[in-house]
PDB file of N, CA and C in Angstrom:
ATOM      1  N   MET A   1    -152.132 -81.631 -85.413  1.00  0.00           N
ATOM      2  CA  MET A   1    -150.772 -81.186 -85.077  1.00  0.00           C
ATOM      3  C   MET A   1    -150.879 -79.762 -84.631  1.00  0.00           C
ATOM      4  N   SER A   2    -150.254 -79.504 -83.500  1.00  0.00           N
ATOM      5  CA  SER A   2    -150.312 -78.162 -82.925  1.00  0.00           C
ATOM      6  C   SER A   2    -149.126 -77.301 -83.444  1.00  0.00           C
ATOM      7  N   VAL A   3    -149.163 -76.093 -83.054  1.00  0.00           N
ATOM      8  CA  VAL A   3    -148.128 -75.158 -83.511  1.00  0.00           C
ATOM      9  C   VAL A   3    -146.798 -75.590 -82.825  1.00  0.00           C
ATOM     10  N   GLY A   4    -146.863 -76.039 -81.616  1.00  0.00           N
ATOM     11  CA  GLY A   4    -145.678 -76.425 -80.889  1.00  0.00           C
ATOM     12  C   GLY A   4    -144.954 -77.623 -81.547  1.00  0.00           C
ATOM     13  N   GLU A   5    -145.768 -78.582 -81.993  1.00  0.00           N
ATOM     14  CA  GLU A   5    -145.216 -79.701 -82.725  1.00  0.00           C
ATOM     15  C   GLU A   5    -144.558 -79.315 -84.030  1.00  0.00           C
ATOM     16  N   ALA A   6    -145.221 -78.388 -84.755  1.00  0.00           N
ATOM     17  CA  ALA A   6    -144.606 -77.927 -86.032  1.00  0.00           C
ATOM     18  C   ALA A   6    -143.315 -77.190 -85.768  1.00  0.00           C
ATOM     19  N   VAL A   7    -143.265 -76.374 -84.733  1.00  0.00           N
ATOM     20  CA  VAL A   7    -142.022 -75.669 -84.370  1.00  0.00           C
ATOM     21  C   VAL A   7    -140.941 -76.631 -83.966  1.00  0.00           C
ATOM     22  N   THR A   8    -141.269 -77.691 -83.275  1.00  0.00           N
ATOM     23  CA  THR A   8    -140.303 -78.709 -82.887  1.00  0.00           C
ATOM     24  C   THR A   8    -139.761 -79.386 -84.080  1.00  0.00           C
ATOM     25  N   ILE A   9    -140.564 -79.777 -85.032  1.00  0.00           N
ATOM     26  CA  ILE A   9    -140.150 -80.410 -86.241  1.00  0.00           C
ATOM     27  C   ILE A   9    -139.251 -79.480 -87.070  1.00  0.00           C
ATOM     28  N   MET A  10    -139.646 -78.191 -87.157  1.00  0.00           N
ATOM     29  CA  MET A  10    -138.784 -77.251 -87.958  1.00  0.00           C
ATOM     30  C   MET A  10    -137.466 -77.056 -87.225  1.00  0.00           C
ATOM     31  N   ARG A  11    -137.494 -76.940 -85.930  1.00  0.00           N
ATOM     32  CA  ARG A  11    -136.256 -76.764 -85.187  1.00  0.00           C
ATOM     33  C   ARG A  11    -135.298 -77.969 -85.345  1.00  0.00           C
ATOM     34  N   GLY A  12    -135.892 -79.175 -85.310  1.00  0.00           N
ATOM     35  CA  GLY A  12    -135.093 -80.354 -85.549  1.00  0.00           C
ATOM     36  C   GLY A  12    -134.478 -80.406 -86.932  1.00  0.00           C
ATOM     37  N   GLY A  13    -135.240 -79.941 -87.949  1.00  0.00           N
ATOM     38  CA  GLY A  13    -134.710 -79.905 -89.319  1.00  0.00           C
ATOM     39  C   GLY A  13    -133.562 -78.908 -89.449  1.00  0.00           C
ATOM     40  N   ILE A  14    -133.733 -77.797 -88.837  1.00  0.00           N
ATOM     41  CA  ILE A  14    -132.652 -76.758 -88.931  1.00  0.00           C
ATOM     42  C   ILE A  14    -131.410 -77.226 -88.183  1.00  0.00           C
ATOM     43  N   ILE A  15    -131.552 -77.814 -87.039  1.00  0.00           N
ATOM     44  CA  ILE A  15    -130.424 -78.324 -86.288  1.00  0.00           C
ATOM     45  C   ILE A  15    -129.731 -79.476 -87.062  1.00  0.00           C
ATOM     46  N   GLU A  16    -130.527 -80.354 -87.686  1.00  0.00           N
ATOM     47  CA  GLU A  16    -129.931 -81.423 -88.432  1.00  0.00           C
ATOM     48  C   GLU A  16    -129.127 -80.841 -89.621  1.00  0.00           C
ATOM     49  N   THR A  17    -129.714 -79.832 -90.300  1.00  0.00           N
ATOM     50  CA  THR A  17    -129.034 -79.201 -91.415  1.00  0.00           C
ATOM     51  C   THR A  17    -127.719 -78.594 -90.983  1.00  0.00           C
ATOM     52  N   LEU A  18    -127.694 -77.900 -89.873  1.00  0.00           N
ATOM     53  CA  LEU A  18    -126.485 -77.260 -89.343  1.00  0.00           C
ATOM     54  C   LEU A  18    -125.467 -78.298 -88.967  1.00  0.00           C
ATOM     55  N   ILE A  19    -125.852 -79.354 -88.338  1.00  0.00           N
ATOM     56  CA  ILE A  19    -124.900 -80.420 -87.954  1.00  0.00           C
ATOM     57  C   ILE A  19    -124.297 -81.095 -89.163  1.00  0.00           C
ATOM     58  N   LEU A  20    -125.094 -81.370 -90.201  1.00  0.00           N
ATOM     59  CA  LEU A  20    -124.602 -82.028 -91.367  1.00  0.00           C
ATOM     60  C   LEU A  20    -123.709 -81.124 -92.232  1.00  0.00           C
ATOM     61  N   SER A  21    -123.988 -79.881 -92.226  1.00  0.00           N
ATOM     62  CA  SER A  21    -123.227 -78.957 -93.122  1.00  0.00           C
ATOM     63  C   SER A  21    -121.985 -78.359 -92.420  1.00  0.00           C
ATOM     64  N   ALA A  22    -121.975 -78.453 -91.087  1.00  0.00           N
ATOM     65  CA  ALA A  22    -120.864 -77.842 -90.339  1.00  0.00           C
ATOM     66  C   ALA A  22    -119.459 -78.330 -90.706  1.00  0.00           C
ATOM     67  N   PRO A  23    -119.256 -79.639 -90.819  1.00  0.00           N
ATOM     68  CA  PRO A  23    -117.853 -80.072 -91.144  1.00  0.00           C
ATOM     69  C   PRO A  23    -117.372 -79.588 -92.477  1.00  0.00           C
ATOM     70  N   VAL A  24    -118.224 -79.600 -93.498  1.00  0.00           N
ATOM     71  CA  VAL A  24    -117.821 -79.109 -94.783  1.00  0.00           C
ATOM     72  C   VAL A  24    -117.549 -77.658 -94.794  1.00  0.00           C
ATOM     73  N   LEU A  25    -118.403 -76.864 -94.144  1.00  0.00           N
ATOM     74  CA  LEU A  25    -118.231 -75.410 -94.110  1.00  0.00           C
ATOM     75  C   LEU A  25    -117.030 -74.985 -93.320  1.00  0.00           C
ATOM     76  N   ILE A  26    -116.762 -75.704 -92.212  1.00  0.00           N
ATOM     77  CA  ILE A  26    -115.606 -75.384 -91.371  1.00  0.00           C
ATOM     78  C   ILE A  26    -114.374 -75.644 -92.116  1.00  0.00           C
ATOM     79  N   VAL A  27    -114.272 -76.823 -92.776  1.00  0.00           N
ATOM     80  CA  VAL A  27    -113.055 -77.118 -93.571  1.00  0.00           C
ATOM     81  C   VAL A  27    -112.836 -76.113 -94.683  1.00  0.00           C
ATOM     82  N   ALA A  28    -113.901 -75.759 -95.409  1.00  0.00           N
ATOM     83  CA  ALA A  28    -113.785 -74.788 -96.497  1.00  0.00           C
ATOM     84  C   ALA A  28    -113.312 -73.434 -95.946  1.00  0.00           C
ATOM     85  N   MET A  29    -113.829 -73.028 -94.796  1.00  0.00           N
ATOM     86  CA  MET A  29    -113.453 -71.751 -94.229  1.00  0.00           C
ATOM     87  C   MET A  29    -111.975 -71.756 -93.747  1.00  0.00           C
ATOM     88  N   VAL A  30    -111.586 -72.857 -93.124  1.00  0.00           N
ATOM     89  CA  VAL A  30    -110.188 -72.898 -92.645  1.00  0.00           C
ATOM     90  C   VAL A  30    -109.226 -72.936 -93.854  1.00  0.00           C
ATOM     91  N   ILE A  31    -109.514 -73.731 -94.870  1.00  0.00           N
ATOM     92  CA  ILE A  31    -108.664 -73.814 -96.040  1.00  0.00           C
ATOM     93  C   ILE A  31    -108.589 -72.463 -96.730  1.00  0.00           C
ATOM     94  N   GLY A  32    -109.759 -71.743 -96.907  1.00  0.00           N
ATOM     95  CA  GLY A  32    -109.792 -70.452 -97.452  1.00  0.00           C
ATOM     96  C   GLY A  32    -108.999 -69.438 -96.676  1.00  0.00           C
ATOM     97  N   LEU A  33    -109.049 -69.492 -95.368  1.00  0.00           N
ATOM     98  CA  LEU A  33    -108.276 -68.599 -94.528  1.00  0.00           C
ATOM     99  C   LEU A  33    -106.794 -68.834 -94.640  1.00  0.00           C
ATOM    100  N   VAL A  34    -106.361 -70.084 -94.622  1.00  0.00           N
ATOM    101  CA  VAL A  34    -104.984 -70.420 -94.804  1.00  0.00           C
ATOM    102  C   VAL A  34    -104.457 -69.938 -96.158  1.00  0.00           C
ATOM    103  N   ILE A  35    -105.192 -70.191 -97.229  1.00  0.00           N
ATOM    104  CA  ILE A  35    -104.734 -69.794 -98.532  1.00  0.00           C
ATOM    105  C   ILE A  35    -104.746 -68.244 -98.665  1.00  0.00           C
ATOM    106  N   SER A  36    -105.697 -67.569 -98.012  1.00  0.00           N
ATOM    107  CA  SER A  36    -105.706 -66.136 -98.016  1.00  0.00           C
ATOM    108  C   SER A  36    -104.504 -65.542 -97.367  1.00  0.00           C
ATOM    109  N   ILE A  37    -104.146 -66.135 -96.208  1.00  0.00           N
ATOM    110  CA  ILE A  37    -102.909 -65.698 -95.512  1.00  0.00           C
ATOM    111  C   ILE A  37    -101.717 -65.977 -96.361  1.00  0.00           C
ATOM    112  N   LEU A  38    -101.603 -67.154 -96.943  1.00  0.00           N
ATOM    113  CA  LEU A  38    -100.528 -67.476 -97.872  1.00  0.00           C
ATOM    114  C   LEU A  38    -100.394 -66.478 -99.017  1.00  0.00           C
ATOM    115  N   GLN A  39    -101.577 -66.135 -99.609  1.00  0.00           N
ATOM    116  CA  GLN A  39    -101.541 -65.188-100.712  1.00  0.00           C
ATOM    117  C   GLN A  39    -101.134 -63.786-100.310  1.00  0.00           C
ATOM    118  N   ALA A  40    -101.558 -63.402 -99.103  1.00  0.00           N
ATOM    119  CA  ALA A  40    -101.175 -62.062 -98.591  1.00  0.00           C
ATOM    120  C   ALA A  40     -99.692 -61.987 -98.291  1.00  0.00           C
ATOM    121  N   THR A  41     -99.143 -63.024 -97.756  1.00  0.00           N
ATOM    122  CA  THR A  41     -97.719 -63.000 -97.393  1.00  0.00           C
ATOM    123  C   THR A  41     -96.815 -63.122 -98.608  1.00  0.00           C
ATOM    124  N   THR A  42     -97.209 -63.865 -99.602  1.00  0.00           N
ATOM    125  CA  THR A  42     -96.358 -64.097-100.796  1.00  0.00           C
ATOM    126  C   THR A  42     -96.755 -63.149-101.943  1.00  0.00           C
ATOM    127  N   GLN A  43     -97.819 -62.432-101.800  1.00  0.00           N
ATOM    128  CA  GLN A  43     -98.312 -61.519-102.822  1.00  0.00           C
ATOM    129  C   GLN A  43     -98.637 -62.225-104.158  1.00  0.00           C
ATOM    130  N   ILE A  44     -98.989 -63.505-104.050  1.00  0.00           N
ATOM    131  CA  ILE A  44     -99.481 -64.227-105.246  1.00  0.00           C
ATOM    132  C   ILE A  44    -100.973 -64.075-105.291  1.00  0.00           C
ATOM    133  N   GLN A  45    -101.484 -63.425-106.303  1.00  0.00           N
ATOM    134  CA  GLN A  45    -102.938 -63.153-106.366  1.00  0.00           C
ATOM    135  C   GLN A  45    -103.594 -63.941-107.505  1.00  0.00           C
ATOM    136  N   GLU A  46    -103.345 -65.215-107.537  1.00  0.00           N
ATOM    137  CA  GLU A  46    -103.920 -66.091-108.488  1.00  0.00           C
ATOM    138  C   GLU A  46    -105.307 -66.512-108.039  1.00  0.00           C
ATOM    139  N   GLN A  47    -106.351 -66.302-108.871  1.00  0.00           N
ATOM    140  CA  GLN A  47    -107.754 -66.599-108.449  1.00  0.00           C
ATOM    141  C   GLN A  47    -107.990 -68.077-108.333  1.00  0.00           C
ATOM    142  N   THR A  48    -107.393 -68.893-109.191  1.00  0.00           N
ATOM    143  CA  THR A  48    -107.655 -70.261-109.185  1.00  0.00           C
ATOM    144  C   THR A  48    -106.962 -71.019-107.985  1.00  0.00           C
ATOM    145  N   LEU A  49    -106.034 -70.344-107.387  1.00  0.00           N
ATOM    146  CA  LEU A  49    -105.262 -70.977-106.235  1.00  0.00           C
ATOM    147  C   LEU A  49    -106.197 -71.253-105.102  1.00  0.00           C
ATOM    148  N   THR A  50    -107.238 -70.467-104.893  1.00  0.00           N
ATOM    149  CA  THR A  50    -108.140 -70.697-103.749  1.00  0.00           C
ATOM    150  C   THR A  50    -109.148 -71.847-103.982  1.00  0.00           C
ATOM    151  N   PHE A  51    -109.509 -72.082-105.251  1.00  0.00           N
ATOM    152  CA  PHE A  51    -110.607 -73.038-105.506  1.00  0.00           C
ATOM    153  C   PHE A  51    -110.099 -74.472-105.457  1.00  0.00           C
ATOM    154  N   VAL A  52    -108.959 -74.792-106.024  1.00  0.00           N
ATOM    155  CA  VAL A  52    -108.556 -76.188-106.109  1.00  0.00           C
ATOM    156  C   VAL A  52    -108.320 -76.829-104.736  1.00  0.00           C
ATOM    157  N   PRO A  53    -107.602 -76.180-103.822  1.00  0.00           N
ATOM    158  CA  PRO A  53    -107.459 -76.768-102.478  1.00  0.00           C
ATOM    159  C   PRO A  53    -108.780 -76.913-101.721  1.00  0.00           C
ATOM    160  N   LYS A  54    -109.654 -75.909-101.868  1.00  0.00           N
ATOM    161  CA  LYS A  54    -110.944 -75.991-101.186  1.00  0.00           C
ATOM    162  C   LYS A  54    -111.774 -77.138-101.733  1.00  0.00           C
ATOM    163  N   ILE A  55    -111.796 -77.293-103.034  1.00  0.00           N
ATOM    164  CA  ILE A  55    -112.567 -78.389-103.644  1.00  0.00           C
ATOM    165  C   ILE A  55    -112.020 -79.750-103.196  1.00  0.00           C
ATOM    166  N   ALA A  56    -110.696 -79.818-103.171  1.00  0.00           N
ATOM    167  CA  ALA A  56    -110.090 -81.103-102.815  1.00  0.00           C
ATOM    168  C   ALA A  56    -110.381 -81.396-101.352  1.00  0.00           C
ATOM    169  N   ALA A  57    -110.291 -80.410-100.448  1.00  0.00           N
ATOM    170  CA  ALA A  57    -110.560 -80.617 -99.029  1.00  0.00           C
ATOM    171  C   ALA A  57    -112.026 -80.982 -98.780  1.00  0.00           C
ATOM    172  N   ILE A  58    -112.901 -80.327 -99.535  1.00  0.00           N
ATOM    173  CA  ILE A  58    -114.372 -80.625 -99.372  1.00  0.00           C
ATOM    174  C   ILE A  58    -114.681 -82.053 -99.842  1.00  0.00           C
ATOM    175  N   MET A  59    -114.027 -82.451-100.930  1.00  0.00           N
ATOM    176  CA  MET A  59    -114.249 -83.791-101.457  1.00  0.00           C
ATOM    177  C   MET A  59    -113.718 -84.853-100.436  1.00  0.00           C
ATOM    178  N   LEU A  60    -112.604 -84.546 -99.796  1.00  0.00           N
ATOM    179  CA  LEU A  60    -112.044 -85.460 -98.819  1.00  0.00           C
ATOM    180  C   LEU A  60    -112.939 -85.539 -97.584  1.00  0.00           C
ATOM    181  N   VAL A  61    -113.478 -84.417 -97.120  1.00  0.00           N
ATOM    182  CA  VAL A  61    -114.385 -84.439 -95.989  1.00  0.00           C
ATOM    183  C   VAL A  61    -115.667 -85.191 -96.373  1.00  0.00           C
ATOM    184  N   LEU A  62    -116.138 -85.014 -97.569  1.00  0.00           N
ATOM    185  CA  LEU A  62    -117.379 -85.752 -97.933  1.00  0.00           C
ATOM    186  C   LEU A  62    -117.092 -87.257 -98.069  1.00  0.00           C
ATOM    187  N   ALA A  63    -115.890 -87.595 -98.523  1.00  0.00           N
ATOM    188  CA  ALA A  63    -115.530 -89.001 -98.629  1.00  0.00           C
ATOM    189  C   ALA A  63    -115.382 -89.621 -97.274  1.00  0.00           C
ATOM    190  N   LEU A  64    -114.858 -88.892 -96.313  1.00  0.00           N
ATOM    191  CA  LEU A  64    -114.616 -89.449 -94.962  1.00  0.00           C
ATOM    192  C   LEU A  64    -115.872 -89.450 -94.108  1.00  0.00           C
ATOM    193  N   LEU A  65    -116.745 -88.363 -94.238  1.00  0.00           N
ATOM    194  CA  LEU A  65    -117.895 -88.267 -93.390  1.00  0.00           C
ATOM    195  C   LEU A  65    -119.212 -88.474 -94.098  1.00  0.00           C
ATOM    196  N   GLY A  66    -119.177 -88.832 -95.415  1.00  0.00           N
ATOM    197  CA  GLY A  66    -120.360 -89.023 -96.152  1.00  0.00           C
ATOM    198  C   GLY A  66    -121.304 -90.136 -95.591  1.00  0.00           C
ATOM    199  N   SER A  67    -120.755 -91.204 -95.150  1.00  0.00           N
ATOM    200  CA  SER A  67    -121.588 -92.297 -94.652  1.00  0.00           C
ATOM    201  C   SER A  67    -122.277 -91.821 -93.308  1.00  0.00           C
ATOM    202  N   TRP A  68    -121.524 -91.082 -92.508  1.00  0.00           N
ATOM    203  CA  TRP A  68    -122.108 -90.618 -91.301  1.00  0.00           C
ATOM    204  C   TRP A  68    -123.247 -89.625 -91.567  1.00  0.00           C
ATOM    205  N   MET A  69    -122.991 -88.749 -92.562  1.00  0.00           N
ATOM    206  CA  MET A  69    -123.997 -87.753 -92.937  1.00  0.00           C
ATOM    207  C   MET A  69    -125.231 -88.404 -93.453  1.00  0.00           C
ATOM    208  N   PHE A  70    -125.051 -89.428 -94.351  1.00  0.00           N
ATOM    209  CA  PHE A  70    -126.173 -90.114 -94.918  1.00  0.00           C
ATOM    210  C   PHE A  70    -126.949 -90.923 -93.841  1.00  0.00           C
ATOM    211  N   GLY A  71    -126.182 -91.547 -92.884  1.00  0.00           N
ATOM    212  CA  GLY A  71    -126.861 -92.290 -91.837  1.00  0.00           C
ATOM    213  C   GLY A  71    -127.661 -91.409 -90.899  1.00  0.00           C
ATOM    214  N   SER A  72    -127.090 -90.222 -90.600  1.00  0.00           N
ATOM    215  CA  SER A  72    -127.773 -89.283 -89.715  1.00  0.00           C
ATOM    216  C   SER A  72    -129.005 -88.716 -90.376  1.00  0.00           C
ATOM    217  N   LEU A  73    -128.917 -88.388 -91.670  1.00  0.00           N
ATOM    218  CA  LEU A  73    -130.088 -87.916 -92.375  1.00  0.00           C
ATOM    219  C   LEU A  73    -131.168 -88.991 -92.525  1.00  0.00           C
ATOM    220  N   GLY A  74    -130.702 -90.222 -92.724  1.00  0.00           N
ATOM    221  CA  GLY A  74    -131.686 -91.360 -92.825  1.00  0.00           C
ATOM    222  C   GLY A  74    -132.367 -91.593 -91.488  1.00  0.00           C
ATOM    223  N   GLN A  75    -131.654 -91.485 -90.402  1.00  0.00           N
ATOM    224  CA  GLN A  75    -132.227 -91.660 -89.068  1.00  0.00           C
ATOM    225  C   GLN A  75    -133.264 -90.555 -88.801  1.00  0.00           C
ATOM    226  N   TYR A  76    -132.920 -89.308 -89.184  1.00  0.00           N
ATOM    227  CA  TYR A  76    -133.883 -88.207 -88.969  1.00  0.00           C
ATOM    228  C   TYR A  76    -135.112 -88.421 -89.795  1.00  0.00           C
ATOM    229  N   THR A  77    -134.985 -88.892 -91.040  1.00  0.00           N
ATOM    230  CA  THR A  77    -136.110 -89.160 -91.908  1.00  0.00           C
ATOM    231  C   THR A  77    -136.987 -90.201 -91.329  1.00  0.00           C
ATOM    232  N   ARG A  78    -136.375 -91.313 -90.827  1.00  0.00           N
ATOM    233  CA  ARG A  78    -137.138 -92.365 -90.201  1.00  0.00           C
ATOM    234  C   ARG A  78    -137.993 -91.830 -89.024  1.00  0.00           C
ATOM    235  N   GLU A  79    -137.327 -91.006 -88.201  1.00  0.00           N
ATOM    236  CA  GLU A  79    -138.046 -90.389 -87.090  1.00  0.00           C
ATOM    237  C   GLU A  79    -139.238 -89.532 -87.546  1.00  0.00           C
ATOM    238  N   LEU A  80    -139.034 -88.790 -88.636  1.00  0.00           N
ATOM    239  CA  LEU A  80    -140.168 -88.002 -89.136  1.00  0.00           C
ATOM    240  C   LEU A  80    -141.266 -88.919 -89.645  1.00  0.00           C
ATOM    241  N   PHE A  81    -140.937 -90.004 -90.384  1.00  0.00           N
ATOM    242  CA  PHE A  81    -141.981 -90.869 -90.862  1.00  0.00           C
ATOM    243  C   PHE A  81    -142.703 -91.544 -89.666  1.00  0.00           C
ATOM    244  N   ALA A  82    -141.960 -91.838 -88.609  1.00  0.00           N
ATOM    245  CA  ALA A  82    -142.622 -92.488 -87.461  1.00  0.00           C
ATOM    246  C   ALA A  82    -143.569 -91.530 -86.774  1.00  0.00           C
ATOM    247  N   MET A  83    -143.328 -90.254 -86.926  1.00  0.00           N
ATOM    248  CA  MET A  83    -144.270 -89.268 -86.291  1.00  0.00           C
ATOM    249  C   MET A  83    -145.526 -89.007 -87.110  1.00  0.00           C
ATOM    250  N   ILE A  84    -145.630 -89.516 -88.311  1.00  0.00           N
ATOM    251  CA  ILE A  84    -146.768 -89.206 -89.164  1.00  0.00           C
ATOM    252  C   ILE A  84    -148.086 -89.743 -88.567  1.00  0.00           C
ATOM    253  N   PRO A  85    -148.175 -90.959 -88.035  1.00  0.00           N
ATOM    254  CA  PRO A  85    -149.435 -91.365 -87.440  1.00  0.00           C
ATOM    255  C   PRO A  85    -149.874 -90.467 -86.197  1.00  0.00           C
ATOM    256  N   GLN A  86    -148.887 -90.028 -85.433  1.00  0.00           N
ATOM    257  CA  GLN A  86    -149.229 -89.180 -84.351  1.00  0.00           C
ATOM    258  C   GLN A  86    -149.761 -87.801 -84.803  1.00  0.00           C
ATOM    259  N   MET A  87    -149.211 -87.323 -85.921  1.00  0.00           N
ATOM    260  CA  MET A  87    -149.655 -86.013 -86.410  1.00  0.00           C
ATOM    261  C   MET A  87    -151.064 -86.074 -87.023  1.00  0.00           C
ATOM    262  N   ALA A  88    -151.499 -87.196 -87.435  1.00  0.00           N
ATOM    263  CA  ALA A  88    -152.802 -87.325 -88.068  1.00  0.00           C
ATOM    264  C   ALA A  88    -153.904 -87.236 -87.056  1.00  0.00           C
ATOM    265  N   ARG A  89    -153.643 -87.419 -85.797  1.00  0.00           N
ATOM    266  CA  ARG A  89    -154.694 -87.404 -84.780  1.00  0.00           C
ATOM    267  C   ARG A  89    -155.177 -86.006 -84.480  1.00  0.00           C
TER     268      ARG A  89
END
């Protein structure tokens, strides 16, 4: 296995991680921003107010996109396992 192949595998892993984590992170960021704006306008500074909606939204995203995430990760893993015989040469 050459350095180029190792870099390609690492790049693929990083991109796969970013693609799989992006929906959850974006939803958490948007919900956090909306709640922060709501807290700033109403001057309600309750610490637990930010966590409950974020957790609920993240759970909803995972419930909706979990099968896609698992399928994508499974496909990537199968591709890696298929590359093992080529790497041994």
